[in-house]
C-alpha atoms as a PDB file:
ATOM      1  CA  MET A   1     -12.037  -3.999  -3.015  1.00  0.00           C
ATOM      2  CA  TYR A   2     -10.214  -3.813  -6.351  1.00  0.00           C
ATOM      3  CA  GLU A   3      -8.709  -0.420  -5.632  1.00  0.00           C
ATOM      4  CA  ARG A   4      -5.345  -0.647  -7.293  1.00  0.00           C
ATOM      5  CA  LYS A   5      -3.529   2.625  -7.899  1.00  0.00           C
ATOM      6  CA  ASP A   6      -3.145   2.421 -11.665  1.00  0.00           C
ATOM      7  CA  GLN A   7      -0.931   5.520 -11.796  1.00  0.00           C
ATOM      8  CA  LEU A   8       1.754   3.633  -9.855  1.00  0.00           C
ATOM      9  CA  VAL A   9       1.485   0.758 -12.336  1.00  0.00           C
ATOM     10  CA  VAL A  10       1.991   3.174 -15.229  1.00  0.00           C
ATOM     11  CA  GLN A  11       4.980   4.757 -13.447  1.00  0.00           C
ATOM     12  CA  ALA A  12       6.524   1.331 -12.828  1.00  0.00           C
ATOM     13  CA  LYS A  13       6.269   0.504 -16.535  1.00  0.00           C
ATOM     14  CA  GLU A  14       7.883   3.822 -17.427  1.00  0.00           C
ATOM     15  CA  VAL A  15      10.730   3.215 -14.961  1.00  0.00           C
ATOM     16  CA  VAL A  16      11.474  -0.196 -16.485  1.00  0.00           C
ATOM     17  CA  SER A  17      11.220   1.071 -20.081  1.00  0.00           C
ATOM     18  CA  THR A  18      13.516   4.014 -19.372  1.00  0.00           C
ATOM     19  CA  ALA A  19      16.031   1.835 -17.513  1.00  0.00           C
ATOM     20  CA  TYR A  20      16.062  -0.720 -20.320  1.00  0.00           C
ATOM     21  CA  GLU A  21      16.772   1.984 -22.904  1.00  0.00           C
ATOM     22  CA  ALA A  22      19.473   3.574 -20.734  1.00  0.00           C
ATOM     23  CA  PHE A  23      21.239   0.489 -19.342  1.00  0.00           C
ATOM     24  CA  GLY A  24      20.137  -2.606 -21.266  1.00  0.00           C
ATOM     25  CA  ASP A  25      18.840  -5.545 -19.287  1.00  0.00           C
ATOM     26  CA  THR A  26      22.043  -6.942 -17.788  1.00  0.00           C
ATOM     27  CA  SER A  27      23.483  -4.091 -15.734  1.00  0.00           C
ATOM     28  CA  ASP A  28      23.276  -3.546 -11.983  1.00  0.00           C
ATOM     29  CA  ALA A  29      21.692  -0.140 -12.663  1.00  0.00           C
ATOM     30  CA  PHE A  30      18.889  -1.818 -14.625  1.00  0.00           C
ATOM     31  CA  TYR A  31      18.227  -4.319 -11.817  1.00  0.00           C
ATOM     32  CA  LYS A  32      18.110  -1.502  -9.259  1.00  0.00           C
ATOM     33  CA  GLN A  33      15.453   0.247 -11.343  1.00  0.00           C
ATOM     34  CA  LEU A  34      13.610  -3.065 -11.733  1.00  0.00           C
ATOM     35  CA  GLU A  35      13.503  -3.416  -7.931  1.00  0.00           C
ATOM     36  CA  ASP A  36      12.157   0.136  -7.638  1.00  0.00           C
ATOM     37  CA  ALA A  37       9.435  -0.658 -10.181  1.00  0.00           C
ATOM     38  CA  ALA A  38       8.530  -3.850  -8.305  1.00  0.00           C
ATOM     39  CA  GLN A  39       8.116  -1.806  -5.121  1.00  0.00           C
ATOM     40  CA  MET A  40       5.780   0.572  -6.985  1.00  0.00           C
ATOM     41  CA  LEU A  41       3.642  -2.416  -7.979  1.00  0.00           C
ATOM     42  CA  VAL A  42       3.454  -3.596  -4.366  1.00  0.00           C
ATOM     43  CA  LEU A  43       2.420  -0.091  -3.281  1.00  0.00           C
ATOM     44  CA  SER A  44      -0.198   0.048  -6.044  1.00  0.00           C
ATOM     45  CA  GLU A  45      -1.961  -2.943  -4.460  1.00  0.00           C
ATOM     46  CA  GLY A  46      -1.675  -1.723  -0.859  1.00  0.00           C
ATOM     47  CA  ARG A  47      -5.400  -1.176  -0.343  1.00  0.00           C
ATOM     48  CA  ILE A  48      -6.230  -4.651  -1.633  1.00  0.00           C
ATOM     49  CA  ALA A  49      -3.525  -6.281   0.491  1.00  0.00           C
ATOM     50  CA  ALA A  50      -4.764  -4.424   3.589  1.00  0.00           C
ATOM     51  CA  GLN A  51      -8.330  -5.658   3.045  1.00  0.00           C
ATOM     52  CA  ALA A  52      -7.091  -9.197   2.456  1.00  0.00           C
ATOM     53  CA  ALA A  53      -5.141  -9.025   5.719  1.00  0.00           C
ATOM     54  CA  GLU A  54      -8.326  -8.019   7.572  1.00  0.00           C
ATOM     55  CA  TRP A  55      -9.846 -11.261   6.273  1.00  0.00           C
ATOM     56  CA  GLY A  56      -6.794 -13.263   7.361  1.00  0.00           C
ATOM     57  CA  LEU A  57      -5.601 -13.676   3.761  1.00  0.00           C
ATOM     58  CA  ARG A  58      -2.766 -12.551   1.544  1.00  0.00           C
ATOM     59  CA  PHE A  59      -3.021 -10.975  -1.912  1.00  0.00           C
ATOM     60  CA  GLU A  60      -0.652 -11.013  -4.855  1.00  0.00           C
ATOM     61  CA  GLY A  61      -1.235  -9.389  -8.247  1.00  0.00           C
ATOM     62  CA  VAL A  62      -0.271 -11.816 -11.004  1.00  0.00           C
ATOM     63  CA  SER A  63      -1.138 -10.295 -14.408  1.00  0.00           C
ATOM     64  CA  ASP A  64      -2.119  -7.039 -16.067  1.00  0.00           C
ATOM     65  CA  LEU A  65      -4.001  -8.958 -18.786  1.00  0.00           C
ATOM     66  CA  ASN A  66      -2.235  -7.240 -21.709  1.00  0.00           C
ATOM     67  CA  SER A  67      -2.886  -3.740 -20.355  1.00  0.00           C
ATOM     68  CA  VAL A  68      -0.662  -1.496 -18.259  1.00  0.00           C
ATOM     69  CA  ALA A  69      -3.539  -0.241 -16.134  1.00  0.00           C
ATOM     70  CA  GLY A  70      -7.162  -1.279 -15.935  1.00  0.00           C
ATOM     71  CA  SER A  71      -8.018  -4.953 -15.896  1.00  0.00           C
ATOM     72  CA  PHE A  72      -5.818  -7.302 -13.891  1.00  0.00           C
ATOM     73  CA  ALA A  73      -5.708 -10.687 -12.187  1.00  0.00           C
ATOM     74  CA  GLY A  74      -4.744 -11.433  -8.612  1.00  0.00           C
ATOM     75  CA  LEU A  75      -4.573 -14.243  -6.088  1.00  0.00           C
ATOM     76  CA  PHE A  76      -6.111 -14.302  -2.647  1.00  0.00           C
ATOM     77  CA  PHE A  77      -4.673 -17.121  -0.578  1.00  0.00           C
ATOM     78  CA  SER A  78      -4.474 -18.416   2.958  1.00  0.00           C
ATOM     79  CA  LYS A  79      -1.438 -17.693   5.069  1.00  0.00           C
ATOM     80  CA  PRO A  80       1.270 -20.365   5.404  1.00  0.00           C
ATOM     81  CA  GLY A  81       0.435 -22.964   8.024  1.00  0.00           C
ATOM     82  CA  SER A  82      -3.322 -22.563   7.587  1.00  0.00           C
ATOM     83  CA  LEU A  83      -5.317 -25.631   8.606  1.00  0.00           C
ATOM     84  CA  LYS A  84      -7.482 -25.255   5.497  1.00  0.00           C
ATOM     85  CA  PRO A  85      -5.228 -23.762   2.809  1.00  0.00           C
ATOM     86  CA  PHE A  86      -6.823 -22.360  -0.320  1.00  0.00           C
ATOM     87  CA  LEU A  87      -6.159 -20.133  -3.296  1.00  0.00           C
ATOM     88  CA  VAL A  88      -8.600 -18.015  -5.311  1.00  0.00           C
ATOM     89  CA  LEU A  89      -7.761 -16.475  -8.689  1.00  0.00           C
ATOM     90  CA  THR A  90      -9.687 -13.238  -9.237  1.00  0.00           C
ATOM     91  CA  PHE A  91     -10.108 -10.875 -12.151  1.00  0.00           C
ATOM     92  CA  LYS A  92     -10.889  -7.180 -12.134  1.00  0.00           C
ATOM     93  CA  GLY A  93     -12.486  -6.093 -15.382  1.00  0.00           C
ATOM     94  CA  THR A  94     -12.686  -2.719 -17.009  1.00  0.00           C
ATOM     95  CA  SER A  95     -15.244  -0.004 -17.457  1.00  0.00           C
ATOM     96  CA  LEU A  96     -17.225   0.166 -20.683  1.00  0.00           C
ATOM     97  CA  CYS A  97     -14.799   2.733 -22.083  1.00  0.00           C
ATOM     98  CA  LEU A  98     -11.978   0.184 -21.697  1.00  0.00           C
ATOM     99  CA  SER A  99     -13.941  -2.872 -22.770  1.00  0.00           C
ATOM    100  CA  SER A 100     -11.627  -3.531 -25.721  1.00  0.00           C
ATOM    101  CA  SER A 101      -8.827  -4.461 -23.305  1.00  0.00           C
ATOM    102  CA  CYS A 102     -11.132  -6.956 -21.620  1.00  0.00           C
ATOM    103  CA  ALA A 103     -12.201  -8.460 -24.944  1.00  0.00           C
ATOM    104  CA  HIS A 104      -8.555  -8.703 -25.991  1.00  0.00           C
ATOM    105  CA  SER A 105      -7.533 -10.472 -22.782  1.00  0.00           C
ATOM    106  CA  THR A 106     -10.162 -13.193 -23.250  1.00  0.00           C
ATOM    107  CA  GLU A 107      -9.329 -14.074 -26.880  1.00  0.00           C
ATOM    108  CA  HIS A 108      -8.329 -17.654 -27.562  1.00  0.00           C
ATOM    109  CA  ARG A 109      -4.848 -17.823 -29.036  1.00  0.00           C
END
Protein backbone atom coordinates (compact mmCIF):
# COMPACT_ATOMS: atom_id res chain seq x y z
CA MET A 1 0.00 0.00 0.00
CA TYR A 2 2.76 2.48 0.86
CA GLU A 3 4.49 2.10 -2.48
CA ARG A 4 5.80 5.56 -3.13
CA LYS A 5 8.48 5.89 -5.79
CA ASP A 6 11.23 7.44 -3.69
CA GLN A 7 13.46 8.04 -6.73
CA LEU A 8 10.92 10.55 -8.04
CA VAL A 9 10.93 12.30 -4.66
CA VAL A 10 14.72 12.57 -4.78
CA GLN A 11 14.56 13.90 -8.36
CA ALA A 12 11.96 16.50 -7.35
CA LYS A 13 14.23 17.75 -4.57
CA GLU A 14 17.14 17.97 -6.99
CA VAL A 15 15.03 19.92 -9.50
CA VAL A 16 14.03 22.47 -6.85
CA SER A 17 17.57 22.79 -5.45
CA THR A 18 19.06 23.28 -8.91
CA ALA A 19 16.38 25.80 -9.91
CA TYR A 20 16.87 27.76 -6.70
CA GLU A 21 20.62 27.98 -7.29
CA ALA A 22 20.15 28.96 -10.94
CA PHE A 23 17.20 31.36 -10.71
CA GLY A 24 16.60 32.32 -7.07
CA ASP A 25 13.12 31.88 -5.68
CA THR A 26 11.25 34.76 -7.33
CA SER A 27 11.62 34.15 -11.06
CA ASP A 28 9.10 32.62 -13.45
CA ALA A 29 11.73 30.01 -14.39
CA PHE A 30 11.98 28.93 -10.75
CA TYR A 31 8.19 28.59 -10.44
CA LYS A 32 8.06 26.52 -13.63
CA GLN A 33 10.63 24.13 -12.16
CA LEU A 34 8.68 24.09 -8.88
CA GLU A 35 5.56 23.01 -10.80
CA ASP A 36 7.55 20.26 -12.51
CA ALA A 37 8.82 19.04 -9.13
CA ALA A 38 5.28 19.06 -7.72
CA GLN A 39 4.16 16.88 -10.63
CA MET A 40 6.98 14.43 -9.85
CA LEU A 41 5.68 14.19 -6.28
CA VAL A 42 2.16 13.45 -7.52
CA LEU A 43 3.54 10.74 -9.82
CA SER A 44 5.59 9.28 -6.96
CA GLU A 45 2.35 8.58 -5.07
CA GLY A 46 0.42 7.22 -8.06
CA ARG A 47 0.17 3.65 -6.77
CA ILE A 48 -1.15 4.82 -3.40
CA ALA A 49 -3.66 7.18 -4.99
CA ALA A 50 -4.89 4.40 -7.31
CA GLN A 51 -5.47 2.05 -4.36
CA ALA A 52 -7.24 4.80 -2.43
CA ALA A 53 -9.51 5.41 -5.43
CA GLU A 54 -10.44 1.71 -5.48
CA TRP A 55 -11.64 2.18 -1.89
CA GLY A 56 -13.59 5.32 -2.84
CA LEU A 57 -11.05 7.59 -1.13
CA ARG A 58 -8.48 10.19 -2.03
CA PHE A 59 -4.84 10.34 -0.91
CA GLU A 60 -2.49 13.26 -0.42
CA GLY A 61 1.10 13.09 0.81
CA VAL A 62 1.68 15.77 3.43
CA SER A 63 5.21 15.40 4.88
CA ASP A 64 8.52 13.67 4.29
CA LEU A 65 9.24 13.71 8.04
CA ASN A 66 12.68 15.35 7.72
CA SER A 67 13.87 12.90 5.07
CA VAL A 68 13.86 13.21 1.29
CA ALA A 69 12.89 9.58 0.77
CA GLY A 70 11.86 6.87 3.19
CA SER A 71 9.41 7.70 5.93
CA PHE A 72 6.49 9.98 5.12
CA ALA A 73 3.01 11.01 6.22
CA GLY A 74 -0.14 11.08 4.13
CA LEU A 75 -3.87 11.67 4.37
CA PHE A 76 -6.61 9.35 3.22
CA PHE A 77 -9.92 11.16 3.07
CA SER A 78 -13.44 10.82 1.75
CA LYS A 79 -14.41 12.47 -1.50
CA PRO A 80 -16.24 15.82 -1.41
CA GLY A 81 -19.96 15.43 -0.84
CA SER A 82 -19.58 12.18 1.10
CA LEU A 83 -22.45 11.49 3.49
CA LYS A 84 -19.96 10.41 6.17
CA PRO A 85 -16.83 12.50 5.60
CA PHE A 86 -13.63 11.48 7.34
CA LEU A 87 -9.89 11.99 7.31
CA VAL A 88 -7.12 9.61 8.39
CA LEU A 89 -3.51 10.68 8.93
CA THR A 90 -1.11 7.82 8.20
CA PHE A 91 2.61 7.33 8.60
CA LYS A 92 4.94 5.08 6.66
CA GLY A 93 8.03 4.22 8.68
CA THR A 94 11.44 3.10 7.58
CA SER A 95 13.39 -0.11 7.45
CA LEU A 96 15.84 -0.90 10.23
CA CYS A 97 18.70 0.49 8.16
CA LEU A 98 16.92 3.87 8.08
CA SER A 99 15.65 3.82 11.65
CA SER A 100 17.60 6.96 12.56
CA SER A 101 15.32 9.02 10.30
CA CYS A 102 12.29 7.62 12.11
CA ALA A 103 13.79 8.35 15.53
CA HIS A 104 14.63 11.87 14.39
CA SER A 105 11.10 12.54 13.13
CA THR A 106 9.55 11.60 16.48
CA GLU A 107 11.79 13.78 18.70
CA HIS A 108 10.05 16.36 20.83
CA ARG A 109 11.26 19.85 19.98
